[in-house]
C-alpha cells in the first residue's frame, strides 16, 4: 500500500501467479491474469543451488490525482505465500 502525505492510500495488489512467481522456477514471460500492472523478467542468472534465479520488474501507472502528491511510505503485507522485495523504484512524468 502506498501512503501519501495528504492521508490518502492506494493499494497495489501483488498476487502470486498473477504478478509474482517463484524466483527459482522457470521464468514467467507473461502473466495472463495481470490487470493494472505490467510485469516482466528483469534478469535471470545462474544459481548453483537452484540452477537459475529470476528477478521480476513490475510497472504500475500512478493515478493522475496522485501524481503531484508526496509519497510518505510504502507498506508490504502478505498472506505467507510469497515475499515481495522492493529493489528499486523509479518514476517518470509521461511516456
PDB file of N, CA and C in Angstrom:
ATOM      1  N   UNK A   1       0.852  -1.165   0.000  1.00  0.00           N
ATOM      2  CA  UNK A   1       0.000   0.000   0.000  1.00  0.00           C
ATOM      3  C   UNK A   1       0.897   1.227   0.000  1.00  0.00           C
ATOM      4  N   UNK A   2       0.507   2.196  -0.798  1.00  0.00           N
ATOM      5  CA  UNK A   2       1.213   3.467  -0.839  1.00  0.00           C
ATOM      6  C   UNK A   2       0.486   4.444   0.076  1.00  0.00           C
ATOM      7  N   UNK A   3       1.226   5.044   0.992  1.00  0.00           N
ATOM      8  CA  UNK A   3       0.668   6.031   1.912  1.00  0.00           C
ATOM      9  C   UNK A   3       1.189   7.408   1.486  1.00  0.00           C
ATOM     10  N   UNK A   4       0.262   8.307   1.181  1.00  0.00           N
ATOM     11  CA  UNK A   4       0.625   9.646   0.730  1.00  0.00           C
ATOM     12  C   UNK A   4       0.551  10.646   1.875  1.00  0.00           C
ATOM     13  N   UNK A   5       1.302  11.733   1.743  1.00  0.00           N
ATOM     14  CA  UNK A   5       1.365  12.779   2.771  1.00  0.00           C
ATOM     15  C   UNK A   5       0.013  13.420   3.053  1.00  0.00           C
ATOM     16  N   UNK A   6      -0.894  13.395   2.067  1.00  0.00           N
ATOM     17  CA  UNK A   6      -2.210  14.003   2.290  1.00  0.00           C
ATOM     18  C   UNK A   6      -3.179  13.055   3.006  1.00  0.00           C
ATOM     19  N   UNK A   7      -2.692  11.887   3.445  1.00  0.00           N
ATOM     20  CA  UNK A   7      -3.516  10.955   4.211  1.00  0.00           C
ATOM     21  C   UNK A   7      -4.237   9.902   3.375  1.00  0.00           C
ATOM     22  N   UNK A   8      -4.180  10.010   2.066  1.00  0.00           N
ATOM     23  CA  UNK A   8      -4.840   9.019   1.211  1.00  0.00           C
ATOM     24  C   UNK A   8      -3.898   7.852   0.938  1.00  0.00           C
ATOM     25  N   UNK A   9      -4.478   6.674   0.728  1.00  0.00           N
ATOM     26  CA  UNK A   9      -3.723   5.457   0.456  1.00  0.00           C
ATOM     27  C   UNK A   9      -4.152   4.864  -0.885  1.00  0.00           C
ATOM     28  N   UNK A  10      -3.223   4.191  -1.541  1.00  0.00           N
ATOM     29  CA  UNK A  10      -3.506   3.463  -2.774  1.00  0.00           C
ATOM     30  C   UNK A  10      -2.946   2.051  -2.603  1.00  0.00           C
ATOM     31  N   UNK A  11      -3.777   1.057  -2.875  1.00  0.00           N
ATOM     32  CA  UNK A  11      -3.356  -0.338  -2.776  1.00  0.00           C
ATOM     33  C   UNK A  11      -3.017  -0.869  -4.160  1.00  0.00           C
ATOM     34  N   UNK A  12      -1.873  -1.526  -4.261  1.00  0.00           N
ATOM     35  CA  UNK A  12      -1.469  -2.199  -5.492  1.00  0.00           C
ATOM     36  C   UNK A  12      -1.385  -3.689  -5.161  1.00  0.00           C
ATOM     37  N   UNK A  13      -2.419  -4.454  -5.487  1.00  0.00           N
ATOM     38  CA  UNK A  13      -2.367  -5.885  -5.175  1.00  0.00           C
ATOM     39  C   UNK A  13      -1.267  -6.589  -5.985  1.00  0.00           C
ATOM     40  N   UNK A  14      -0.456  -7.379  -5.308  1.00  0.00           N
ATOM     41  CA  UNK A  14       0.548  -8.217  -5.959  1.00  0.00           C
ATOM     42  C   UNK A  14       0.198  -9.646  -5.574  1.00  0.00           C
ATOM     43  N   UNK A  15      -0.254 -10.421  -6.567  1.00  0.00           N
ATOM     44  CA  UNK A  15      -0.815 -11.741  -6.315  1.00  0.00           C
ATOM     45  C   UNK A  15       0.081 -12.813  -6.928  1.00  0.00           C
ATOM     46  N   UNK A  16       0.412 -13.834  -6.125  1.00  0.00           N
ATOM     47  CA  UNK A  16       1.228 -14.946  -6.612  1.00  0.00           C
ATOM     48  C   UNK A  16       0.564 -15.575  -7.824  1.00  0.00           C
ATOM     49  N   UNK A  17       1.329 -15.732  -8.886  1.00  0.00           N
ATOM     50  CA  UNK A  17       0.812 -16.291 -10.122  1.00  0.00           C
ATOM     51  C   UNK A  17       0.204 -15.262 -11.054  1.00  0.00           C
ATOM     52  N   UNK A  18      -0.031 -14.069 -10.546  1.00  0.00           N
ATOM     53  CA  UNK A  18      -0.612 -13.006 -11.371  1.00  0.00           C
ATOM     54  C   UNK A  18       0.406 -11.902 -11.665  1.00  0.00           C
ATOM     55  N   UNK A  19       1.278 -11.581 -10.713  1.00  0.00           N
ATOM     56  CA  UNK A  19       2.357 -10.615 -10.929  1.00  0.00           C
ATOM     57  C   UNK A  19       3.676 -11.077 -10.332  1.00  0.00           C
ATOM     58  N   UNK A  20       3.685 -12.210  -9.674  1.00  0.00           N
ATOM     59  CA  UNK A  20       4.891 -12.671  -8.996  1.00  0.00           C
ATOM     60  C   UNK A  20       4.962 -14.195  -9.100  1.00  0.00           C
ATOM     61  N   UNK A  21       6.198 -14.707  -9.199  1.00  0.00           N
ATOM     62  CA  UNK A  21       6.407 -16.144  -9.320  1.00  0.00           C
ATOM     63  C   UNK A  21       7.632 -16.541  -8.515  1.00  0.00           C
ATOM     64  N   UNK A  22       7.787 -17.817  -8.297  1.00  0.00           N
ATOM     65  CA  UNK A  22       8.948 -18.353  -7.583  1.00  0.00           C
ATOM     66  C   UNK A  22      10.213 -17.939  -8.327  1.00  0.00           C
ATOM     67  N   UNK A  23      11.128 -17.308  -7.653  1.00  0.00           N
ATOM     68  CA  UNK A  23      12.322 -16.766  -8.292  1.00  0.00           C
ATOM     69  C   UNK A  23      13.219 -17.852  -8.872  1.00  0.00           C
ATOM     70  N   UNK A  24      13.143 -19.088  -8.330  1.00  0.00           N
ATOM     71  CA  UNK A  24      13.996 -20.182  -8.796  1.00  0.00           C
ATOM     72  C   UNK A  24      13.312 -21.055  -9.848  1.00  0.00           C
ATOM     73  N   UNK A  25      12.057 -20.807 -10.148  1.00  0.00           N
ATOM     74  CA  UNK A  25      11.326 -21.600 -11.139  1.00  0.00           C
ATOM     75  C   UNK A  25      11.625 -21.088 -12.552  1.00  0.00           C
ATOM     76  N   UNK A  26      11.116 -21.784 -13.539  1.00  0.00           N
ATOM     77  CA  UNK A  26      11.233 -21.324 -14.921  1.00  0.00           C
ATOM     78  C   UNK A  26      10.612 -19.927 -15.019  1.00  0.00           C
ATOM     79  N   UNK A  27      11.321 -18.972 -15.597  1.00  0.00           N
ATOM     80  CA  UNK A  27      10.797 -17.606 -15.665  1.00  0.00           C
ATOM     81  C   UNK A  27       9.453 -17.525 -16.383  1.00  0.00           C
ATOM     82  N   UNK A  28       8.571 -16.718 -15.851  1.00  0.00           N
ATOM     83  CA  UNK A  28       7.275 -16.463 -16.473  1.00  0.00           C
ATOM     84  C   UNK A  28       7.466 -15.298 -17.433  1.00  0.00           C
ATOM     85  N   UNK A  29       7.178 -15.503 -18.698  1.00  0.00           N
ATOM     86  CA  UNK A  29       7.368 -14.454 -19.700  1.00  0.00           C
ATOM     87  C   UNK A  29       6.204 -13.475 -19.744  1.00  0.00           C
ATOM     88  N   UNK A  30       4.996 -13.982 -19.470  1.00  0.00           N
ATOM     89  CA  UNK A  30       3.817 -13.109 -19.465  1.00  0.00           C
ATOM     90  C   UNK A  30       2.811 -13.663 -18.465  1.00  0.00           C
ATOM     91  N   UNK A  31       2.315 -12.820 -17.594  1.00  0.00           N
ATOM     92  CA  UNK A  31       1.306 -13.208 -16.613  1.00  0.00           C
ATOM     93  C   UNK A  31      -0.065 -12.955 -17.221  1.00  0.00           C
ATOM     94  N   UNK A  32      -0.785 -14.031 -17.511  1.00  0.00           N
ATOM     95  CA  UNK A  32      -2.050 -13.949 -18.249  1.00  0.00           C
ATOM     96  C   UNK A  32      -3.135 -13.154 -17.521  1.00  0.00           C
ATOM     97  N   UNK A  33      -3.261 -13.288 -16.209  1.00  0.00           N
ATOM     98  CA  UNK A  33      -4.351 -12.637 -15.489  1.00  0.00           C
ATOM     99  C   UNK A  33      -4.028 -11.265 -14.949  1.00  0.00           C
ATOM    100  N   UNK A  34      -2.927 -10.707 -15.351  1.00  0.00           N
ATOM    101  CA  UNK A  34      -2.476  -9.431 -14.787  1.00  0.00           C
ATOM    102  C   UNK A  34      -3.346  -8.268 -15.246  1.00  0.00           C
ATOM    103  N   UNK A  35      -3.727  -7.410 -14.286  1.00  0.00           N
ATOM    104  CA  UNK A  35      -4.506  -6.213 -14.569  1.00  0.00           C
ATOM    105  C   UNK A  35      -3.891  -5.028 -13.828  1.00  0.00           C
ATOM    106  N   UNK A  36      -3.869  -3.876 -14.453  1.00  0.00           N
ATOM    107  CA  UNK A  36      -3.399  -2.608 -13.878  1.00  0.00           C
ATOM    108  C   UNK A  36      -1.896  -2.556 -13.629  1.00  0.00           C
ATOM    109  N   UNK A  37      -1.187  -3.636 -13.919  1.00  0.00           N
ATOM    110  CA  UNK A  37       0.271  -3.653 -13.819  1.00  0.00           C
ATOM    111  C   UNK A  37       0.801  -4.394 -15.047  1.00  0.00           C
ATOM    112  N   UNK A  38       2.113  -4.275 -15.273  1.00  0.00           N
ATOM    113  CA  UNK A  38       2.766  -4.999 -16.359  1.00  0.00           C
ATOM    114  C   UNK A  38       4.072  -5.537 -15.805  1.00  0.00           C
ATOM    115  N   UNK A  39       4.168  -6.863 -15.685  1.00  0.00           N
ATOM    116  CA  UNK A  39       5.320  -7.495 -15.061  1.00  0.00           C
ATOM    117  C   UNK A  39       6.082  -8.335 -16.070  1.00  0.00           C
ATOM    118  N   UNK A  40       7.404  -8.197 -16.059  1.00  0.00           N
ATOM    119  CA  UNK A  40       8.276  -8.991 -16.922  1.00  0.00           C
ATOM    120  C   UNK A  40       9.509  -9.412 -16.134  1.00  0.00           C
ATOM    121  N   UNK A  41      10.247 -10.374 -16.680  1.00  0.00           N
ATOM    122  CA  UNK A  41      11.502 -10.799 -16.066  1.00  0.00           C
ATOM    123  C   UNK A  41      12.551  -9.730 -16.347  1.00  0.00           C
ATOM    124  N   UNK A  42      13.167  -9.201 -15.308  1.00  0.00           N
ATOM    125  CA  UNK A  42      14.227  -8.211 -15.479  1.00  0.00           C
ATOM    126  C   UNK A  42      15.547  -8.898 -15.803  1.00  0.00           C
ATOM    127  N   UNK A  43      15.804 -10.045 -15.154  1.00  0.00           N
ATOM    128  CA  UNK A  43      17.051 -10.767 -15.392  1.00  0.00           C
ATOM    129  C   UNK A  43      16.933 -12.176 -14.827  1.00  0.00           C
ATOM    130  N   UNK A  44      17.591 -13.119 -15.480  1.00  0.00           N
ATOM    131  CA  UNK A  44      17.708 -14.491 -14.992  1.00  0.00           C
ATOM    132  C   UNK A  44      19.188 -14.831 -14.973  1.00  0.00           C
ATOM    133  N   UNK A  45      19.654 -15.320 -13.831  1.00  0.00           N
ATOM    134  CA  UNK A  45      21.074 -15.609 -13.668  1.00  0.00           C
ATOM    135  C   UNK A  45      21.265 -17.042 -13.173  1.00  0.00           C
ATOM    136  N   UNK A  46      22.444 -17.629 -13.419  1.00  0.00           N
ATOM    137  CA  UNK A  46      22.722 -18.969 -12.916  1.00  0.00           C
ATOM    138  C   UNK A  46      22.747 -18.976 -11.387  1.00  0.00           C
ATOM    139  N   UNK A  47      22.295 -20.071 -10.798  1.00  0.00           N
ATOM    140  CA  UNK A  47      22.293 -20.239  -9.351  1.00  0.00           C
ATOM    141  C   UNK A  47      22.733 -21.672  -9.062  1.00  0.00           C
ATOM    142  N   UNK A  48      23.821 -21.872  -8.319  1.00  0.00           N
ATOM    143  CA  UNK A  48      24.339 -23.223  -8.106  1.00  0.00           C
ATOM    144  C   UNK A  48      23.380 -24.149  -7.342  1.00  0.00           C
ATOM    145  N   UNK A  49      22.524 -23.605  -6.513  1.00  0.00           N
ATOM    146  CA  UNK A  49      21.606 -24.429  -5.733  1.00  0.00           C
ATOM    147  C   UNK A  49      20.328 -24.759  -6.495  1.00  0.00           C
ATOM    148  N   UNK A  50      19.791 -23.790  -7.243  1.00  0.00           N
ATOM    149  CA  UNK A  50      18.501 -23.973  -7.913  1.00  0.00           C
ATOM    150  C   UNK A  50      18.605 -23.940  -9.437  1.00  0.00           C
ATOM    151  N   UNK A  51      19.779 -23.968  -9.987  1.00  0.00           N
ATOM    152  CA  UNK A  51      20.043 -23.901 -11.412  1.00  0.00           C
ATOM    153  C   UNK A  51      19.966 -22.473 -11.945  1.00  0.00           C
ATOM    154  N   UNK A  52      18.904 -21.744 -11.591  1.00  0.00           N
ATOM    155  CA  UNK A  52      18.771 -20.362 -12.042  1.00  0.00           C
ATOM    156  C   UNK A  52      17.890 -19.580 -11.079  1.00  0.00           C
ATOM    157  N   UNK A  53      17.952 -18.272 -11.185  1.00  0.00           N
ATOM    158  CA  UNK A  53      17.086 -17.407 -10.391  1.00  0.00           C
ATOM    159  C   UNK A  53      16.700 -16.198 -11.221  1.00  0.00           C
ATOM    160  N   UNK A  54      15.447 -15.760 -11.091  1.00  0.00           N
ATOM    161  CA  UNK A  54      14.952 -14.635 -11.881  1.00  0.00           C
ATOM    162  C   UNK A  54      14.451 -13.518 -10.973  1.00  0.00           C
ATOM    163  N   UNK A  55      14.676 -12.295 -11.424  1.00  0.00           N
ATOM    164  CA  UNK A  55      14.162 -11.106 -10.761  1.00  0.00           C
ATOM    165  C   UNK A  55      13.135 -10.496 -11.698  1.00  0.00           C
ATOM    166  N   UNK A  56      11.983 -10.142 -11.153  1.00  0.00           N
ATOM    167  CA  UNK A  56      10.901  -9.560 -11.946  1.00  0.00           C
ATOM    168  C   UNK A  56      10.804  -8.057 -11.702  1.00  0.00           C
ATOM    169  N   UNK A  57      10.299  -7.351 -12.702  1.00  0.00           N
ATOM    170  CA  UNK A  57      10.038  -5.924 -12.565  1.00  0.00           C
ATOM    171  C   UNK A  57       8.568  -5.698 -12.895  1.00  0.00           C
ATOM    172  N   UNK A  58       7.946  -4.819 -12.142  1.00  0.00           N
ATOM    173  CA  UNK A  58       6.523  -4.554 -12.334  1.00  0.00           C
ATOM    174  C   UNK A  58       6.308  -3.064 -12.590  1.00  0.00           C
ATOM    175  N   UNK A  59       5.574  -2.753 -13.660  1.00  0.00           N
ATOM    176  CA  UNK A  59       5.176  -1.374 -13.956  1.00  0.00           C
ATOM    177  C   UNK A  59       3.769  -1.152 -13.435  1.00  0.00           C
ATOM    178  N   UNK A  60       3.559   0.017 -12.878  1.00  0.00           N
ATOM    179  CA  UNK A  60       2.235   0.425 -12.393  1.00  0.00           C
ATOM    180  C   UNK A  60       2.059   1.888 -12.726  1.00  0.00           C
ATOM    181  N   UNK A  61       0.944   2.223 -13.306  1.00  0.00           N
ATOM    182  CA  UNK A  61       0.644   3.611 -13.653  1.00  0.00           C
ATOM    183  C   UNK A  61      -0.063   4.310 -12.500  1.00  0.00           C
ATOM    184  N   UNK A  62       0.588   5.300 -11.945  1.00  0.00           N
ATOM    185  CA  UNK A  62       0.024   6.066 -10.844  1.00  0.00           C
ATOM    186  C   UNK A  62      -1.221   6.823 -11.312  1.00  0.00           C
ATOM    187  N   UNK A  63      -2.303   6.797 -10.517  1.00  0.00           N
ATOM    188  CA  UNK A  63      -3.488   7.577 -10.893  1.00  0.00           C
ATOM    189  C   UNK A  63      -3.140   9.071 -11.018  1.00  0.00           C
ATOM    190  N   UNK A  64      -3.780   9.743 -11.925  1.00  0.00           N
ATOM    191  CA  UNK A  64      -3.488  11.154 -12.202  1.00  0.00           C
ATOM    192  C   UNK A  64      -3.594  12.009 -10.944  1.00  0.00           C
ATOM    193  N   UNK A  65      -4.583  11.760 -10.101  1.00  0.00           N
ATOM    194  CA  UNK A  65      -4.772  12.590  -8.902  1.00  0.00           C
ATOM    195  C   UNK A  65      -3.701  12.375  -7.841  1.00  0.00           C
ATOM    196  N   UNK A  66      -2.858  11.381  -7.996  1.00  0.00           N
ATOM    197  CA  UNK A  66      -1.790  11.098  -7.020  1.00  0.00           C
ATOM    198  C   UNK A  66      -0.428  11.560  -7.499  1.00  0.00           C
ATOM    199  N   UNK A  67      -0.305  11.970  -8.738  1.00  0.00           N
ATOM    200  CA  UNK A  67       1.000  12.251  -9.335  1.00  0.00           C
ATOM    201  C   UNK A  67       1.728  13.432  -8.723  1.00  0.00           C
ATOM    202  N   UNK A  68       1.018  14.403  -8.198  1.00  0.00           N
ATOM    203  CA  UNK A  68       1.677  15.559  -7.601  1.00  0.00           C
ATOM    204  C   UNK A  68       1.754  15.497  -6.090  1.00  0.00           C
ATOM    205  N   UNK A  69       1.359  14.371  -5.502  1.00  0.00           N
ATOM    206  CA  UNK A  69       1.306  14.248  -4.048  1.00  0.00           C
ATOM    207  C   UNK A  69       2.532  13.475  -3.564  1.00  0.00           C
ATOM    208  N   UNK A  70       3.178  13.991  -2.531  1.00  0.00           N
ATOM    209  CA  UNK A  70       4.372  13.349  -1.999  1.00  0.00           C
ATOM    210  C   UNK A  70       4.032  12.015  -1.336  1.00  0.00           C
ATOM    211  N   UNK A  71       4.853  11.018  -1.613  1.00  0.00           N
ATOM    212  CA  UNK A  71       4.701   9.694  -1.034  1.00  0.00           C
ATOM    213  C   UNK A  71       5.350   9.674   0.346  1.00  0.00           C
ATOM    214  N   UNK A  72       4.618   9.198   1.339  1.00  0.00           N
ATOM    215  CA  UNK A  72       5.141   9.150   2.703  1.00  0.00           C
ATOM    216  C   UNK A  72       5.806   7.815   3.013  1.00  0.00           C
ATOM    217  N   UNK A  73       5.142   6.699   2.637  1.00  0.00           N
ATOM    218  CA  UNK A  73       5.713   5.382   2.919  1.00  0.00           C
ATOM    219  C   UNK A  73       5.088   4.325   2.017  1.00  0.00           C
ATOM    220  N   UNK A  74       5.772   3.186   1.948  1.00  0.00           N
ATOM    221  CA  UNK A  74       5.288   2.025   1.209  1.00  0.00           C
ATOM    222  C   UNK A  74       5.189   0.877   2.190  1.00  0.00           C
ATOM    223  N   UNK A  75       4.036   0.211   2.210  1.00  0.00           N
ATOM    224  CA  UNK A  75       3.787  -0.880   3.160  1.00  0.00           C
ATOM    225  C   UNK A  75       3.521  -2.173   2.391  1.00  0.00           C
ATOM    226  N   UNK A  76       4.229  -3.231   2.764  1.00  0.00           N
ATOM    227  CA  UNK A  76       4.008  -4.551   2.185  1.00  0.00           C
ATOM    228  C   UNK A  76       3.260  -5.414   3.185  1.00  0.00           C
ATOM    229  N   UNK A  77       2.199  -6.067   2.756  1.00  0.00           N
ATOM    230  CA  UNK A  77       1.504  -7.062   3.576  1.00  0.00           C
ATOM    231  C   UNK A  77       1.360  -8.310   2.724  1.00  0.00           C
ATOM    232  N   UNK A  78       1.300  -9.461   3.351  1.00  0.00           N
ATOM    233  CA  UNK A  78       1.218 -10.699   2.583  1.00  0.00           C
ATOM    234  C   UNK A  78       0.403 -11.756   3.284  1.00  0.00           C
ATOM    235  N   UNK A  79       0.200 -12.842   2.561  1.00  0.00           N
ATOM    236  CA  UNK A  79      -0.554 -13.967   3.113  1.00  0.00           C
ATOM    237  C   UNK A  79       0.346 -15.160   3.405  1.00  0.00           C
ATOM    238  N   UNK A  80       1.648 -14.982   3.325  1.00  0.00           N
ATOM    239  CA  UNK A  80       2.586 -16.048   3.625  1.00  0.00           C
ATOM    240  C   UNK A  80       2.979 -16.898   2.435  1.00  0.00           C
ATOM    241  N   UNK A  81       2.384 -16.654   1.273  1.00  0.00           N
ATOM    242  CA  UNK A  81       2.693 -17.457   0.089  1.00  0.00           C
ATOM    243  C   UNK A  81       3.873 -16.902  -0.706  1.00  0.00           C
ATOM    244  N   UNK A  82       4.181 -15.632  -0.534  1.00  0.00           N
ATOM    245  CA  UNK A  82       5.302 -15.038  -1.258  1.00  0.00           C
ATOM    246  C   UNK A  82       5.849 -13.863  -0.453  1.00  0.00           C
ATOM    247  N   UNK A  83       7.038 -13.442  -0.837  1.00  0.00           N
ATOM    248  CA  UNK A  83       7.681 -12.318  -0.163  1.00  0.00           C
ATOM    249  C   UNK A  83       8.099 -11.304  -1.224  1.00  0.00           C
ATOM    250  N   UNK A  84       7.335 -10.228  -1.391  1.00  0.00           N
ATOM    251  CA  UNK A  84       7.761  -9.200  -2.346  1.00  0.00           C
ATOM    252  C   UNK A  84       8.943  -8.419  -1.782  1.00  0.00           C
ATOM    253  N   UNK A  85       9.852  -8.057  -2.660  1.00  0.00           N
ATOM    254  CA  UNK A  85      11.036  -7.304  -2.267  1.00  0.00           C
ATOM    255  C   UNK A  85      11.132  -6.083  -3.172  1.00  0.00           C
ATOM    256  N   UNK A  86      11.260  -4.930  -2.589  1.00  0.00           N
ATOM    257  CA  UNK A  86      11.435  -3.701  -3.350  1.00  0.00           C
ATOM    258  C   UNK A  86      12.930  -3.481  -3.542  1.00  0.00           C
ATOM    259  N   UNK A  87      13.381  -3.639  -4.783  1.00  0.00           N
ATOM    260  CA  UNK A  87      14.808  -3.473  -5.085  1.00  0.00           C
ATOM    261  C   UNK A  87      15.115  -2.074  -5.580  1.00  0.00           C
ATOM    262  N   UNK A  88      14.109  -1.384  -6.068  1.00  0.00           N
ATOM    263  CA  UNK A  88      14.301  -0.040  -6.571  1.00  0.00           C
ATOM    264  C   UNK A  88      12.967   0.531  -6.996  1.00  0.00           C
ATOM    265  N   UNK A  89      12.916   1.830  -7.130  1.00  0.00           N
ATOM    266  CA  UNK A  89      11.691   2.477  -7.570  1.00  0.00           C
ATOM    267  C   UNK A  89      12.094   3.684  -8.417  1.00  0.00           C
ATOM    268  N   UNK A  90      11.427   3.842  -9.546  1.00  0.00           N
ATOM    269  CA  UNK A  90      11.690   4.984 -10.414  1.00  0.00           C
ATOM    270  C   UNK A  90      10.361   5.613 -10.806  1.00  0.00           C
ATOM    271  N   UNK A  91      10.425   6.776 -11.317  1.00  0.00           N
ATOM    272  CA  UNK A  91       9.209   7.441 -11.752  1.00  0.00           C
ATOM    273  C   UNK A  91       9.473   8.320 -12.952  1.00  0.00           C
ATOM    274  N   UNK A  92       8.464   8.426 -13.776  1.00  0.00           N
ATOM    275  CA  UNK A  92       8.535   9.323 -14.925  1.00  0.00           C
ATOM    276  C   UNK A  92       7.219  10.104 -14.986  1.00  0.00           C
ATOM    277  N   UNK A  93       7.220  11.225 -15.629  1.00  0.00           N
ATOM    278  CA  UNK A  93       6.021  12.035 -15.758  1.00  0.00           C
ATOM    279  C   UNK A  93       5.100  11.452 -16.829  1.00  0.00           C
ATOM    280  N   UNK A  94       5.629  11.169 -18.008  1.00  0.00           N
ATOM    281  CA  UNK A  94       4.834  10.650 -19.126  1.00  0.00           C
ATOM    282  C   UNK A  94       5.736   9.905 -20.069  1.00  0.00           C
ATOM    283  N   UNK A  95       5.161   8.955 -20.789  1.00  0.00           N
ATOM    284  CA  UNK A  95       5.901   8.265 -21.861  1.00  0.00           C
ATOM    285  C   UNK A  95       5.881   9.106 -23.082  1.00  0.00           C
TER     286      UNK A  95
END
